[in-house]
Structures are given as C-alpha cells and as structure tokens.
Amino acid sequence: MGTDSREGYQRTAFKHWNAGTQPADGCNARAEVLISEAVDAPEIGPGCRLTGGRWWSN
C-alpha cells in the first residue's frame, strides 16, 4: 500500500457540503460518502462524528 499525499488539500476550502440524504441524522454528504465507501466502517458518534474506519486509496 502506498503513502497518500495530501499536499495542497485544505478541508476548509470545501464548505459547500450539503445536509445529506437524511438531514436529521447530522451526516452531511461528505460523511455519507465516507461511510458508504469504507473498507472497515467507522464508528458513528453523536452529530455524525466519525472515528476509526479504513478506506482504500489509489
């Protein structure tokens, strides 16, 4: 498995994430994608705070 590079990435540049398919669950579109694409699912805490999990990257 290679090493990921996040050079130039700034999370704050992406303020447009919508409320997701079920706004009441607190998971925005970013969190929903992370959950759906996880190889090992993250724990989903209050307000859809994600911890743990594992994703495949190429």
PDB file of N, CA and C in Angstrom:
ATOM      1  N   MET A   1       0.842  -1.161   0.000  1.00  0.00           N
ATOM      2  CA  MET A   1       0.000   0.000   0.000  1.00  0.00           C
ATOM      3  C   MET A   1       0.894   1.232   0.000  1.00  0.00           C
ATOM      4  N   GLY A   2       0.606   2.187  -0.873  1.00  0.00           N
ATOM      5  CA  GLY A   2       1.422   3.391  -0.990  1.00  0.00           C
ATOM      6  C   GLY A   2       1.100   4.428   0.078  1.00  0.00           C
ATOM      7  N   THR A   3       1.915   5.447   0.086  1.00  0.00           N
ATOM      8  CA  THR A   3       1.720   6.545   1.020  1.00  0.00           C
ATOM      9  C   THR A   3       0.887   7.627   0.337  1.00  0.00           C
ATOM     10  N   ASP A   4      -0.157   8.074   0.988  1.00  0.00           N
ATOM     11  CA  ASP A   4      -1.002   9.134   0.444  1.00  0.00           C
ATOM     12  C   ASP A   4      -0.335  10.484   0.627  1.00  0.00           C
ATOM     13  N   SER A   5      -0.567  11.360  -0.321  1.00  0.00           N
ATOM     14  CA  SER A   5      -0.093  12.737  -0.214  1.00  0.00           C
ATOM     15  C   SER A   5      -1.299  13.661  -0.168  1.00  0.00           C
ATOM     16  N   ARG A   6      -1.337  14.509   0.816  1.00  0.00           N
ATOM     17  CA  ARG A   6      -2.440  15.480   0.933  1.00  0.00           C
ATOM     18  C   ARG A   6      -1.934  16.893   0.681  1.00  0.00           C
ATOM     19  N   GLU A   7      -0.801  16.985  -0.003  1.00  0.00           N
ATOM     20  CA  GLU A   7      -0.215  18.279  -0.306  1.00  0.00           C
ATOM     21  C   GLU A   7      -1.210  19.142  -1.074  1.00  0.00           C
ATOM     22  N   GLY A   8      -1.411  20.346  -0.605  1.00  0.00           N
ATOM     23  CA  GLY A   8      -2.322  21.273  -1.255  1.00  0.00           C
ATOM     24  C   GLY A   8      -3.773  21.144  -0.829  1.00  0.00           C
ATOM     25  N   TYR A   9      -4.125  20.062  -0.132  1.00  0.00           N
ATOM     26  CA  TYR A   9      -5.517  19.880   0.312  1.00  0.00           C
ATOM     27  C   TYR A   9      -5.779  20.688   1.563  1.00  0.00           C
ATOM     28  N   GLN A  10      -6.895  21.420   1.552  1.00  0.00           N
ATOM     29  CA  GLN A  10      -7.337  22.157   2.734  1.00  0.00           C
ATOM     30  C   GLN A  10      -8.822  21.895   2.917  1.00  0.00           C
ATOM     31  N   ARG A  11      -9.174  21.180   3.973  1.00  0.00           N
ATOM     32  CA  ARG A  11     -10.578  20.839   4.216  1.00  0.00           C
ATOM     33  C   ARG A  11     -11.452  22.090   4.255  1.00  0.00           C
ATOM     34  N   THR A  12     -10.926  23.187   4.784  1.00  0.00           N
ATOM     35  CA  THR A  12     -11.707  24.424   4.896  1.00  0.00           C
ATOM     36  C   THR A  12     -12.091  25.006   3.536  1.00  0.00           C
ATOM     37  N   ALA A  13     -11.460  24.544   2.466  1.00  0.00           N
ATOM     38  CA  ALA A  13     -11.813  25.015   1.120  1.00  0.00           C
ATOM     39  C   ALA A  13     -13.127  24.400   0.645  1.00  0.00           C
ATOM     40  N   PHE A  14     -13.630  23.399   1.356  1.00  0.00           N
ATOM     41  CA  PHE A  14     -14.844  22.696   0.952  1.00  0.00           C
ATOM     42  C   PHE A  14     -15.960  22.939   1.970  1.00  0.00           C
ATOM     43  N   LYS A  15     -16.511  24.124   1.940  1.00  0.00           N
ATOM     44  CA  LYS A  15     -17.563  24.494   2.898  1.00  0.00           C
ATOM     45  C   LYS A  15     -18.959  24.232   2.352  1.00  0.00           C
ATOM     46  N   HIS A  16     -19.050  23.662   1.176  1.00  0.00           N
ATOM     47  CA  HIS A  16     -20.325  23.506   0.490  1.00  0.00           C
ATOM     48  C   HIS A  16     -21.017  22.169   0.711  1.00  0.00           C
ATOM     49  N   TRP A  17     -20.525  21.326   1.589  1.00  0.00           N
ATOM     50  CA  TRP A  17     -21.166  20.031   1.792  1.00  0.00           C
ATOM     51  C   TRP A  17     -22.620  20.225   2.215  1.00  0.00           C
ATOM     52  N   ASN A  18     -23.533  19.528   1.542  1.00  0.00           N
ATOM     53  CA  ASN A  18     -24.942  19.675   1.879  1.00  0.00           C
ATOM     54  C   ASN A  18     -25.311  18.807   3.078  1.00  0.00           C
ATOM     55  N   ALA A  19     -26.547  18.870   3.473  1.00  0.00           N
ATOM     56  CA  ALA A  19     -27.011  18.185   4.684  1.00  0.00           C
ATOM     57  C   ALA A  19     -27.184  16.678   4.509  1.00  0.00           C
ATOM     58  N   GLY A  20     -26.929  16.149   3.327  1.00  0.00           N
ATOM     59  CA  GLY A  20     -27.050  14.707   3.107  1.00  0.00           C
ATOM     60  C   GLY A  20     -28.463  14.281   2.802  1.00  0.00           C
ATOM     61  N   THR A  21     -28.658  12.983   2.653  1.00  0.00           N
ATOM     62  CA  THR A  21     -29.977  12.470   2.267  1.00  0.00           C
ATOM     63  C   THR A  21     -30.972  12.470   3.427  1.00  0.00           C
ATOM     64  N   GLN A  22     -30.471  12.432   4.668  1.00  0.00           N
ATOM     65  CA  GLN A  22     -31.342  12.476   5.845  1.00  0.00           C
ATOM     66  C   GLN A  22     -30.809  13.548   6.798  1.00  0.00           C
ATOM     67  N   PRO A  23     -31.161  14.816   6.573  1.00  0.00           N
ATOM     68  CA  PRO A  23     -30.614  15.905   7.375  1.00  0.00           C
ATOM     69  C   PRO A  23     -30.747  15.710   8.890  1.00  0.00           C
ATOM     70  N   ALA A  24     -31.765  15.003   9.333  1.00  0.00           N
ATOM     71  CA  ALA A  24     -31.982  14.830  10.771  1.00  0.00           C
ATOM     72  C   ALA A  24     -30.904  13.980  11.445  1.00  0.00           C
ATOM     73  N   ASP A  25     -30.169  13.148  10.672  1.00  0.00           N
ATOM     74  CA  ASP A  25     -29.159  12.293  11.303  1.00  0.00           C
ATOM     75  C   ASP A  25     -27.832  13.010  11.528  1.00  0.00           C
ATOM     76  N   GLY A  26     -27.692  14.240  11.016  1.00  0.00           N
ATOM     77  CA  GLY A  26     -26.478  15.016  11.234  1.00  0.00           C
ATOM     78  C   GLY A  26     -25.338  14.676  10.295  1.00  0.00           C
ATOM     79  N   CYS A  27     -25.519  13.708   9.401  1.00  0.00           N
ATOM     80  CA  CYS A  27     -24.457  13.321   8.465  1.00  0.00           C
ATOM     81  C   CYS A  27     -24.570  14.124   7.173  1.00  0.00           C
ATOM     82  N   ASN A  28     -23.537  14.935   6.900  1.00  0.00           N
ATOM     83  CA  ASN A  28     -23.553  15.674   5.643  1.00  0.00           C
ATOM     84  C   ASN A  28     -23.112  14.752   4.512  1.00  0.00           C
ATOM     85  N   ALA A  29     -23.098  15.266   3.288  1.00  0.00           N
ATOM     86  CA  ALA A  29     -22.757  14.449   2.124  1.00  0.00           C
ATOM     87  C   ALA A  29     -21.362  13.848   2.259  1.00  0.00           C
ATOM     88  N   ARG A  30     -20.404  14.586   2.791  1.00  0.00           N
ATOM     89  CA  ARG A  30     -19.040  14.082   2.962  1.00  0.00           C
ATOM     90  C   ARG A  30     -19.043  12.849   3.872  1.00  0.00           C
ATOM     91  N   ALA A  31     -19.714  12.942   5.007  1.00  0.00           N
ATOM     92  CA  ALA A  31     -19.763  11.817   5.946  1.00  0.00           C
ATOM     93  C   ALA A  31     -20.462  10.623   5.324  1.00  0.00           C
ATOM     94  N   GLU A  32     -21.539  10.864   4.575  1.00  0.00           N
ATOM     95  CA  GLU A  32     -22.257   9.762   3.940  1.00  0.00           C
ATOM     96  C   GLU A  32     -21.370   9.021   2.952  1.00  0.00           C
ATOM     97  N   VAL A  33     -20.562   9.748   2.191  1.00  0.00           N
ATOM     98  CA  VAL A  33     -19.652   9.106   1.245  1.00  0.00           C
ATOM     99  C   VAL A  33     -18.580   8.322   1.992  1.00  0.00           C
ATOM    100  N   LEU A  34     -18.030   8.899   3.049  1.00  0.00           N
ATOM    101  CA  LEU A  34     -17.022   8.192   3.833  1.00  0.00           C
ATOM    102  C   LEU A  34     -17.579   6.895   4.405  1.00  0.00           C
ATOM    103  N   ILE A  35     -18.787   6.942   4.915  1.00  0.00           N
ATOM    104  CA  ILE A  35     -19.428   5.752   5.480  1.00  0.00           C
ATOM    105  C   ILE A  35     -19.655   4.707   4.392  1.00  0.00           C
ATOM    106  N   SER A  36     -20.187   5.123   3.246  1.00  0.00           N
ATOM    107  CA  SER A  36     -20.541   4.165   2.195  1.00  0.00           C
ATOM    108  C   SER A  36     -19.313   3.553   1.514  1.00  0.00           C
ATOM    109  N   GLU A  37     -18.187   4.261   1.509  1.00  0.00           N
ATOM    110  CA  GLU A  37     -17.002   3.755   0.812  1.00  0.00           C
ATOM    111  C   GLU A  37     -15.955   3.148   1.747  1.00  0.00           C
ATOM    112  N   ALA A  38     -16.274   3.020   3.008  1.00  0.00           N
ATOM    113  CA  ALA A  38     -15.315   2.473   3.967  1.00  0.00           C
ATOM    114  C   ALA A  38     -15.079   0.981   3.739  1.00  0.00           C
ATOM    115  N   VAL A  39     -13.813   0.580   3.829  1.00  0.00           N
ATOM    116  CA  VAL A  39     -13.453  -0.834   3.804  1.00  0.00           C
ATOM    117  C   VAL A  39     -13.783  -1.432   5.173  1.00  0.00           C
ATOM    118  N   ASP A  40     -13.420  -0.728   6.227  1.00  0.00           N
ATOM    119  CA  ASP A  40     -13.823  -1.044   7.597  1.00  0.00           C
ATOM    120  C   ASP A  40     -14.610   0.159   8.090  1.00  0.00           C
ATOM    121  N   ALA A  41     -15.863  -0.036   8.405  1.00  0.00           N
ATOM    122  CA  ALA A  41     -16.753   1.073   8.763  1.00  0.00           C
ATOM    123  C   ALA A  41     -16.270   1.839   9.992  1.00  0.00           C
ATOM    124  N   PRO A  42     -16.399   3.161   9.960  1.00  0.00           N
ATOM    125  CA  PRO A  42     -16.063   3.963  11.134  1.00  0.00           C
ATOM    126  C   PRO A  42     -17.182   3.883  12.158  1.00  0.00           C
ATOM    127  N   GLU A  43     -16.855   4.233  13.390  1.00  0.00           N
ATOM    128  CA  GLU A  43     -17.885   4.394  14.418  1.00  0.00           C
ATOM    129  C   GLU A  43     -18.572   5.729  14.145  1.00  0.00           C
ATOM    130  N   ILE A  44     -19.879   5.762  14.289  1.00  0.00           N
ATOM    131  CA  ILE A  44     -20.643   6.985  14.048  1.00  0.00           C
ATOM    132  C   ILE A  44     -21.155   7.485  15.384  1.00  0.00           C
ATOM    133  N   GLY A  45     -20.608   8.611  15.833  1.00  0.00           N
ATOM    134  CA  GLY A  45     -20.966   9.176  17.119  1.00  0.00           C
ATOM    135  C   GLY A  45     -22.040  10.243  17.000  1.00  0.00           C
ATOM    136  N   PRO A  46     -22.358  10.893  18.105  1.00  0.00           N
ATOM    137  CA  PRO A  46     -23.353  11.973  18.107  1.00  0.00           C
ATOM    138  C   PRO A  46     -22.998  13.042  17.084  1.00  0.00           C
ATOM    139  N   GLY A  47     -24.016  13.526  16.393  1.00  0.00           N
ATOM    140  CA  GLY A  47     -23.804  14.556  15.378  1.00  0.00           C
ATOM    141  C   GLY A  47     -23.057  14.037  14.170  1.00  0.00           C
ATOM    142  N   CYS A  48     -23.031  12.715  14.003  1.00  0.00           N
ATOM    143  CA  CYS A  48     -22.361  12.030  12.896  1.00  0.00           C
ATOM    144  C   CYS A  48     -20.852  12.242  12.920  1.00  0.00           C
ATOM    145  N   ARG A  49     -20.280  12.307  14.106  1.00  0.00           N
ATOM    146  CA  ARG A  49     -18.818  12.399  14.221  1.00  0.00           C
ATOM    147  C   ARG A  49     -18.251  11.009  13.961  1.00  0.00           C
ATOM    148  N   LEU A  50     -17.383  10.904  12.943  1.00  0.00           N
ATOM    149  CA  LEU A  50     -16.819   9.627  12.539  1.00  0.00           C
ATOM    150  C   LEU A  50     -15.449   9.427  13.177  1.00  0.00           C
ATOM    151  N   THR A  51     -15.238   8.237  13.733  1.00  0.00           N
ATOM    152  CA  THR A  51     -13.932   7.890  14.277  1.00  0.00           C
ATOM    153  C   THR A  51     -13.577   6.489  13.809  1.00  0.00           C
ATOM    154  N   GLY A  52     -12.280   6.259  13.642  1.00  0.00           N
ATOM    155  CA  GLY A  52     -11.838   4.967  13.161  1.00  0.00           C
ATOM    156  C   GLY A  52     -12.173   4.804  11.697  1.00  0.00           C
ATOM    157  N   GLY A  53     -12.302   3.586  11.278  1.00  0.00           N
ATOM    158  CA  GLY A  53     -12.605   3.295   9.881  1.00  0.00           C
ATOM    159  C   GLY A  53     -11.342   3.181   9.042  1.00  0.00           C
ATOM    160  N   ARG A  54     -11.509   2.602   7.864  1.00  0.00           N
ATOM    161  CA  ARG A  54     -10.393   2.432   6.948  1.00  0.00           C
ATOM    162  C   ARG A  54     -10.934   2.499   5.529  1.00  0.00           C
ATOM    163  N   TRP A  55     -10.164   3.138   4.640  1.00  0.00           N
ATOM    164  CA  TRP A  55     -10.567   3.328   3.260  1.00  0.00           C
ATOM    165  C   TRP A  55      -9.444   2.910   2.340  1.00  0.00           C
ATOM    166  N   TRP A  56      -9.798   2.451   1.159  1.00  0.00           N
ATOM    167  CA  TRP A  56      -8.826   2.105   0.155  1.00  0.00           C
ATOM    168  C   TRP A  56      -8.528   3.355  -0.650  1.00  0.00           C
ATOM    169  N   SER A  57      -7.277   3.605  -0.942  1.00  0.00           N
ATOM    170  CA  SER A  57      -6.870   4.778  -1.698  1.00  0.00           C
ATOM    171  C   SER A  57      -5.926   4.346  -2.804  1.00  0.00           C
ATOM    172  N   ASN A  58      -6.060   4.945  -3.977  1.00  0.00           N
ATOM    173  CA  ASN A  58      -5.115   4.642  -5.044  1.00  0.00           C
ATOM    174  C   ASN A  58      -4.389   5.862  -5.505  1.00  0.00           C
TER     175      ASN A  58
END
